[in-house]
Protein backbone atom coordinates (compact mmCIF):
# COMPACT_ATOMS: atom_id res chain seq x y z
CA MET A 1 23.06 -35.60 -58.99
CA LYS A 2 22.49 -39.36 -57.97
CA ARG A 3 20.83 -38.23 -54.79
CA ILE A 4 18.56 -35.84 -56.72
CA LEU A 5 17.71 -38.73 -59.27
CA ALA A 6 17.16 -40.95 -55.79
CA THR A 7 14.64 -38.53 -55.15
CA LEU A 8 12.90 -38.50 -57.78
CA ALA A 9 12.47 -41.83 -58.55
CA ALA A 10 11.25 -42.07 -54.65
CA ALA A 11 8.40 -39.28 -55.58
CA PHE A 12 6.65 -41.74 -57.75
CA VAL A 13 4.71 -44.90 -57.11
CA THR A 14 3.61 -48.26 -59.13
CA VAL A 15 -0.26 -47.89 -59.74
CA SER A 16 -3.06 -49.75 -61.27
CA VAL A 17 -5.03 -48.86 -64.12
CA ALA A 18 -7.88 -50.20 -66.09
CA ALA A 19 -7.31 -52.23 -69.27
CA PRO A 20 -6.94 -50.07 -72.18
CA ILE A 21 -9.87 -49.64 -74.58
CA GLY A 22 -9.96 -51.16 -77.89
CA PRO A 23 -9.10 -48.82 -80.66
CA ALA A 24 -11.84 -48.26 -83.26
CA SER A 25 -11.67 -50.87 -85.70
CA ALA A 26 -10.57 -48.44 -88.52
CA GLN A 27 -7.79 -45.45 -88.21
CA PRO A 28 -9.44 -42.23 -89.43
CA SER A 29 -7.40 -40.75 -91.88
CA ARG A 30 -5.79 -37.48 -89.97
CA GLU A 31 -2.92 -36.82 -88.77
CA LEU A 32 -1.15 -37.90 -85.25
CA PHE A 33 -1.78 -35.60 -82.61
CA VAL A 34 0.49 -34.63 -80.06
CA VAL A 35 -0.42 -31.95 -77.16
CA GLY A 36 1.58 -30.07 -75.14
CA PHE A 37 1.73 -26.45 -72.74
CA GLY A 38 2.58 -24.30 -75.49
CA GLY A 39 4.95 -21.49 -75.32
CA GLY A 40 8.68 -21.20 -76.10
CA PHE A 41 9.26 -24.98 -75.29
CA GLN A 42 6.58 -26.04 -77.54
CA ASP A 43 7.80 -23.81 -80.16
CA ALA A 44 11.33 -25.60 -80.16
CA ALA A 45 9.60 -29.03 -79.63
CA ARG A 46 7.68 -28.42 -82.99
CA THR A 47 10.84 -28.03 -84.75
CA THR A 48 13.57 -30.28 -83.22
CA LEU A 49 10.72 -33.13 -81.86
CA PHE A 50 7.29 -33.30 -84.11
CA GLN A 51 8.50 -31.70 -87.40
CA ALA A 52 11.59 -33.93 -87.38
CA PHE A 53 10.02 -37.07 -86.19
CA GLN A 54 7.36 -36.38 -89.06
CA ALA A 55 10.59 -35.88 -91.40
CA ALA A 56 12.19 -39.20 -90.23
CA THR A 57 9.12 -41.74 -90.41
CA GLY A 58 6.67 -40.08 -92.45
CA GLN A 59 3.97 -39.84 -90.17
CA ARG A 60 2.07 -36.92 -90.51
CA VAL A 61 1.81 -34.78 -87.19
CA ARG A 62 0.01 -31.95 -85.81
CA ASP A 63 0.51 -30.55 -82.27
CA ASP A 64 -2.17 -28.19 -80.64
CA THR A 65 -2.02 -27.21 -76.79
CA TYR A 66 -3.98 -27.77 -73.69
CA ASN A 67 -3.52 -25.97 -69.95
CA GLY A 68 -2.52 -29.69 -68.02
CA GLU A 69 -6.51 -30.46 -67.17
CA LEU A 70 -7.51 -33.81 -67.74
CA ALA A 71 -11.34 -33.07 -67.86
CA ARG A 72 -11.17 -32.97 -71.85
CA ILE A 73 -9.02 -36.13 -71.98
CA TYR A 74 -11.54 -37.97 -69.74
CA ALA A 75 -14.22 -37.09 -71.56
CA MET A 76 -12.83 -38.35 -74.86
CA VAL A 77 -12.05 -41.56 -73.20
CA ARG A 78 -15.35 -42.09 -72.06
CA SER A 79 -17.14 -41.19 -75.05
CA ARG A 80 -14.81 -43.26 -77.36
CA ASP A 81 -14.25 -40.46 -79.63
CA VAL A 82 -9.95 -39.70 -78.76
CA VAL A 83 -8.99 -37.56 -80.94
CA TRP A 84 -5.60 -36.62 -79.00
CA ASP A 85 -2.84 -39.18 -79.26
CA VAL A 86 0.23 -38.31 -77.32
CA VAL A 87 0.04 -35.49 -74.89
CA MET A 88 2.50 -33.98 -72.29
CA VAL A 89 1.24 -34.30 -68.45
CA GLU A 90 2.88 -33.35 -65.08
CA ALA A 91 3.48 -35.99 -62.90
CA PRO A 92 0.51 -35.68 -60.35
CA GLU A 93 -2.03 -35.59 -63.22
CA LEU A 94 -0.51 -38.66 -64.84
CA GLN A 95 -0.82 -40.74 -61.87
CA ARG A 96 -4.12 -40.09 -61.15
CA GLY A 97 -5.30 -40.12 -65.19
CA CYS A 98 -3.41 -43.67 -65.16
CA GLU A 99 -5.35 -45.06 -62.16
CA ASP A 100 -8.43 -43.55 -63.67
CA GLY A 101 -7.66 -45.51 -67.50
CA ALA A 102 -7.40 -41.97 -69.12
CA PHE A 103 -4.14 -42.91 -70.29
CA ALA A 104 -2.63 -46.32 -71.92
CA PRO A 105 0.30 -48.33 -70.10
CA ILE A 106 3.54 -47.49 -72.00
CA ASP A 107 4.35 -50.34 -74.27
CA TRP A 108 7.95 -50.81 -73.12
CA SER A 109 8.57 -53.41 -76.05
CA VAL A 110 8.42 -49.84 -78.07
CA VAL A 111 9.85 -47.50 -75.65
CA ARG A 112 13.32 -48.36 -74.77
CA ARG A 113 12.78 -48.25 -70.60
CA ASP A 114 16.64 -47.96 -69.85
CA LYS A 115 17.33 -44.81 -71.60
CA PHE A 116 15.43 -43.15 -68.50
CA VAL A 117 16.26 -41.43 -65.45
CA PRO A 118 14.64 -43.96 -62.61
CA ALA A 119 11.73 -41.24 -62.34
CA GLY A 120 11.25 -41.38 -66.03
CA ALA A 121 9.71 -44.68 -66.40
CA THR A 122 6.34 -45.03 -64.88
CA ARG A 123 3.26 -47.30 -65.63
CA CYS A 124 1.75 -44.82 -68.68
CA GLY A 125 4.37 -42.14 -68.67
CA ALA A 126 7.78 -41.96 -70.73
CA GLY A 127 9.80 -39.00 -69.06
CA ALA A 128 10.08 -35.91 -71.26
CA VAL A 129 11.75 -33.28 -69.71
CA ALA A 130 12.05 -31.76 -66.16
CA TRP A 131 10.42 -28.08 -65.83
CA GLY A 132 11.07 -25.20 -62.97
CA ALA A 133 9.60 -22.46 -61.72
CA ALA A 134 11.57 -19.75 -60.00
CA LEU A 135 11.39 -15.58 -58.54
CA PHE A 136 12.14 -13.27 -60.92
CA TYR A 137 12.67 -9.38 -61.44
CA ASP A 138 13.52 -6.96 -63.67
CA THR A 139 16.69 -5.25 -62.70
CA ALA A 140 16.44 -2.12 -64.98
CA ARG A 141 13.30 -1.42 -62.66
CA ASN A 142 14.05 -3.31 -59.63
CA PRO A 143 17.77 -2.59 -58.78
CA GLN A 144 16.76 -3.46 -55.35
CA ALA A 145 14.94 -6.69 -54.79
CA PRO A 146 14.21 -9.66 -52.24
CA ALA A 147 16.90 -12.03 -52.17
CA ASN A 148 14.91 -15.21 -50.75
CA MET A 149 11.14 -16.04 -50.42
CA ALA A 150 10.96 -14.79 -46.69
CA GLU A 151 11.97 -11.23 -48.12
CA LEU A 152 9.45 -11.78 -50.91
CA TRP A 153 6.88 -11.11 -47.86
CA ASP A 154 8.69 -7.83 -47.00
CA VAL A 155 6.32 -5.20 -48.98
CA ALA A 156 7.91 -2.11 -47.36
CA ARG A 157 11.09 -2.75 -48.05
CA PHE A 158 10.22 -3.91 -51.52
CA PRO A 159 7.32 -2.29 -52.58
CA GLY A 160 5.14 -3.80 -55.84
CA LYS A 161 2.74 -6.75 -57.02
CA ARG A 162 3.91 -10.34 -56.62
CA SER A 163 2.86 -12.74 -59.25
CA PHE A 164 2.34 -16.59 -58.45
CA ARG A 165 0.56 -18.96 -60.26
CA PHE A 166 -3.61 -19.25 -59.68
CA GLY A 167 -3.81 -22.66 -57.83
CA PRO A 168 -2.44 -24.32 -54.63
CA LYS A 169 0.55 -26.25 -56.40
CA MET A 170 3.59 -24.29 -55.85
CA THR A 171 1.77 -21.32 -54.03
CA LEU A 172 1.59 -23.41 -50.71
CA GLU A 173 4.77 -24.45 -50.80
CA ILE A 174 6.21 -20.83 -51.41
CA ALA A 175 3.95 -19.37 -48.78
CA LEU A 176 5.43 -22.04 -46.13
CA MET A 177 9.27 -21.56 -47.18
CA SER A 178 8.77 -17.79 -46.73
CA ASP A 179 7.69 -18.73 -43.25
CA GLY A 180 10.76 -20.15 -42.62
CA VAL A 181 9.74 -23.57 -43.18
CA PRO A 182 12.98 -25.78 -44.52
CA ARG A 183 12.45 -27.34 -48.01
CA GLU A 184 12.84 -30.68 -46.65
CA GLN A 185 10.06 -30.31 -44.13
CA VAL A 186 7.53 -28.59 -46.54
CA TYR A 187 5.46 -31.56 -47.10
CA ARG A 188 5.52 -32.92 -44.05
CA VAL A 189 3.90 -29.70 -42.30
CA LEU A 190 2.06 -29.18 -45.56
CA SER A 191 0.35 -32.47 -44.38
CA THR A 192 -1.05 -31.00 -41.30
CA PRO A 193 -4.11 -29.38 -40.65
CA ALA A 194 -1.99 -26.59 -38.85
CA GLY A 195 0.49 -26.46 -41.71
CA LEU A 196 -1.90 -25.88 -44.32
CA GLN A 197 -4.09 -23.11 -42.67
CA ARG A 198 -0.27 -21.46 -41.60
CA ALA A 199 0.19 -21.65 -45.78
CA PHE A 200 -3.37 -19.83 -46.26
CA ASP A 201 -2.93 -17.50 -43.59
CA ARG A 202 0.60 -16.24 -44.85
CA LEU A 203 -0.89 -15.57 -48.63
CA GLU A 204 -3.44 -13.51 -46.65
CA GLN A 205 -0.73 -11.57 -45.42
CA ILE A 206 0.28 -10.40 -48.85
CA ARG A 207 -3.13 -11.03 -50.69
CA PRO A 208 -3.99 -7.37 -51.84
CA HIS A 209 -0.22 -7.66 -53.63
CA ILE A 210 -0.94 -10.60 -55.50
CA VAL A 211 -1.52 -10.72 -58.92
CA TRP A 212 -2.27 -14.22 -59.90
CA TRP A 213 -1.27 -15.62 -63.13
CA ARG A 214 -2.95 -18.84 -65.62
CA SER A 215 -0.55 -19.20 -68.59
CA GLY A 216 2.99 -19.49 -68.73
CA ALA A 217 3.31 -16.65 -70.46
CA GLN A 218 2.01 -14.05 -68.49
CA PRO A 219 4.25 -13.72 -65.59
CA LEU A 220 6.94 -12.40 -68.14
CA GLN A 221 4.42 -9.79 -69.73
CA PHE A 222 3.60 -8.81 -65.95
CA VAL A 223 6.69 -8.16 -65.32
CA GLY A 224 8.23 -6.68 -68.47
CA SER A 225 5.23 -4.16 -68.57
CA GLY A 226 5.92 -3.05 -64.77
CA GLU A 227 2.53 -4.04 -63.62
CA VAL A 228 4.42 -6.94 -61.17
CA ALA A 229 7.35 -6.23 -59.66
CA TYR A 230 8.41 -9.81 -58.58
CA ALA A 231 6.83 -13.26 -60.26
CA PHE A 232 7.45 -16.36 -59.90
CA GLY A 233 7.54 -18.05 -63.37
CA PHE A 234 9.00 -21.27 -65.54
CA THR A 235 12.81 -21.15 -65.94
CA GLY A 236 12.77 -21.94 -69.34
CA ARG A 237 10.70 -19.02 -70.46
CA VAL A 238 12.60 -16.55 -68.20
CA VAL A 239 16.28 -17.88 -69.96
CA GLN A 240 14.91 -17.74 -73.33
CA ALA A 241 13.55 -13.91 -72.77
CA ASN A 242 16.94 -13.25 -71.43
CA GLN A 243 18.25 -14.44 -74.87
CA GLN A 244 16.19 -12.11 -76.53
CA GLY A 245 17.18 -8.80 -74.40
CA ALA A 246 15.65 -8.88 -71.19
CA ARG A 247 17.33 -7.96 -68.20
CA TYR A 248 16.33 -10.72 -65.28
CA ASN A 249 17.54 -11.90 -62.92
CA MET A 250 16.37 -15.41 -61.59
CA LEU A 251 16.93 -16.62 -58.13
CA TRP A 252 17.73 -20.53 -58.07
CA ASP A 253 17.94 -20.83 -54.65
CA THR A 254 14.00 -20.31 -55.01
CA LEU A 255 13.63 -23.34 -57.89
CA LEU A 256 10.65 -25.54 -57.59
CA TYR A 257 10.74 -28.32 -59.97
CA SER A 258 9.17 -31.57 -61.26
CA VAL A 259 9.09 -33.92 -64.25
CA ASP A 260 7.08 -33.84 -67.30
CA TYR A 261 5.98 -37.18 -69.28
CA TRP A 262 4.82 -38.11 -72.76
CA ALA A 263 1.09 -40.13 -72.27
CA VAL A 264 -0.86 -41.82 -74.98
CA VAL A 265 -4.41 -41.37 -74.16
CA ASN A 266 -6.12 -44.40 -73.97
CA GLY A 267 -8.39 -45.53 -77.00
CA SER A 268 -6.43 -43.60 -79.26
CA PRO A 269 -6.59 -44.92 -82.61
CA TYR A 270 -3.19 -44.29 -83.28
CA ALA A 271 -1.57 -45.84 -80.09
CA GLN A 272 1.11 -47.77 -81.44
CA GLN A 273 2.19 -44.78 -83.68
CA GLY A 274 1.95 -42.65 -80.60
CA MET A 275 4.40 -45.22 -78.93
CA ARG A 276 6.83 -45.24 -82.05
CA MET A 277 6.88 -41.58 -81.65
CA ILE A 278 7.74 -41.45 -78.03
CA GLU A 279 10.42 -43.64 -78.37
CA TRP A 280 11.95 -41.03 -81.15
CA MET A 281 11.13 -38.15 -79.21
CA THR A 282 12.85 -39.03 -76.32
CA ASN A 283 16.34 -40.50 -77.70
CA LEU A 284 19.59 -38.41 -76.83
CA GLU A 285 20.07 -37.06 -80.52
CA PRO A 286 16.68 -35.12 -80.85
CA LEU A 287 16.92 -34.05 -77.46
CA GLN A 288 20.20 -32.63 -77.74
CA ALA A 289 18.93 -30.69 -80.84
CA LEU A 290 15.91 -29.57 -78.73
CA ALA A 291 18.60 -28.62 -75.99
CA ARG A 292 20.60 -26.21 -78.09
CA ILE A 293 17.54 -23.83 -78.74
CA TRP A 294 15.65 -24.27 -75.52
CA PRO A 295 17.28 -24.41 -71.82
CA ALA A 296 15.62 -28.17 -71.60
CA SER A 297 16.63 -30.99 -68.79
CA PRO A 298 15.82 -33.95 -70.48
CA ALA A 299 14.77 -37.33 -68.29
CA HIS A 300 17.21 -39.25 -70.73
CA ARG A 301 20.15 -40.95 -67.92
CA ALA A 302 23.01 -40.16 -70.20
CA PHE A 303 22.20 -36.33 -70.11
CA GLN A 304 21.54 -36.43 -66.70
CA GLU A 305 24.54 -38.53 -65.62
CA ASP A 306 26.96 -36.20 -68.15
CA ALA A 307 28.56 -33.72 -66.40
CA THR A 308 29.86 -32.30 -70.22
CA LEU A 309 26.06 -32.29 -71.37
CA ARG A 310 24.69 -30.76 -67.95
CA ALA A 311 27.69 -28.15 -68.18
CA ALA A 312 26.62 -26.98 -71.49
CA SER A 313 23.30 -26.18 -70.37
CA PRO A 314 24.25 -23.76 -67.50
CA HIS A 315 20.20 -22.66 -67.27
CA SER A 316 18.70 -25.93 -67.13
CA VAL A 317 16.84 -27.46 -64.25
CA ALA A 318 19.00 -30.24 -64.08
CA ALA A 319 21.88 -27.78 -63.44
CA ASN A 320 20.20 -26.35 -61.09
CA ALA A 321 18.03 -28.96 -58.87
CA SER A 322 20.31 -29.47 -55.82
CA ARG A 323 19.16 -25.75 -55.23
CA GLY A 324 15.25 -26.42 -55.22
CA LEU A 325 12.53 -28.16 -54.27
CA PHE A 326 11.04 -31.17 -55.58
CA ILE A 327 7.12 -30.71 -56.46
CA ASP A 328 6.13 -33.99 -54.10
CA THR A 329 3.87 -36.09 -56.81
CA GLU A 330 2.17 -38.28 -54.28
CA PHE A 331 1.51 -35.24 -51.98
CA TRP A 332 -0.39 -33.50 -55.00
CA VAL A 333 -2.16 -36.70 -56.07
CA GLN A 334 -3.27 -37.51 -52.51
CA ASN A 335 -4.41 -33.85 -51.99
CA GLY A 336 -4.48 -31.80 -54.80
CA GLU A 337 -8.39 -31.99 -55.66
CA ASP A 338 -9.50 -30.85 -52.08
CA LEU A 339 -6.57 -27.94 -51.86
CA GLU A 340 -7.81 -26.92 -55.38
CA ARG A 341 -11.24 -26.26 -53.69
CA ARG A 342 -9.71 -24.82 -50.86
CA PHE A 343 -7.85 -22.58 -52.85
CA ALA A 344 -10.39 -21.37 -55.15
CA ALA A 345 -12.89 -20.66 -52.02
CA TRP A 346 -10.17 -18.65 -50.34
CA ALA A 347 -9.23 -16.76 -53.46
CA GLY A 348 -12.76 -15.98 -54.53
CA ARG A 349 -13.27 -14.65 -51.28
């Protein structure tokens, strides 16, 4: 686990950010808005984190969802009309937004830095949870299934549609690993023009068999209905579906994972309340309450380093990280926008 945490820490770099935009002179009378990616995680966080924080502090809280894109946040900051306060952000978007001044630096006099794993404390983000995606399928519909990414490309032996997240992140990594590139070499290969072309060529081989998903609920819907035979989906959602009676087998050896962060939108009139909420939500007690109803992997040092706590969550990303590929934050910060455009052009042909 120490090796895993060191890998996580190395994935992030120190960045500079524009000075925070000052809050409005008078705070509006509204709830503190916290925004996440929705789904089962947010349902669990609503009771164990958001509503529990409100009960503990008296601060009114309301939550909303978004798809992770920064355009709306940038627009709020530019117009100085910030209506979101605390936002869950993926690692590359956090770093990019921090550099662009979309997120305020974390006030480490309010949020206790030493409770996080090394990768959990960045300039503008406090670690929330690790997340992952892996290949899964319905054992009732598909008693014979691919055992790895390479076999996933064998549509003759394993017929049926495959479903991937629409976009280059995760999809290009999957394509290269299916073509025999070892996990530890994926980003070195993907950083070269030849390696990038290799990934797109590999996707082209099964293009007619791909069904893209754009929200985390879709791969489970596709597999559950039989429209798709094999899909990459967020691990927490697959585990929860099994707890509710589904018969999905998930291949942890195909895991891709990263860390999500809590950030405060720059210019929020409730910035200090947001910092206090982040401090409260990242304490061990509420995180343990969250983990009891959702297979969460908190970025809390005690949770990651305590074998007993990890053993109590065998279906968490933390318990299976050694079998997966950590999504390289720096690679996607440097290349994400260009690859989004190239992927969109390829997918639209």
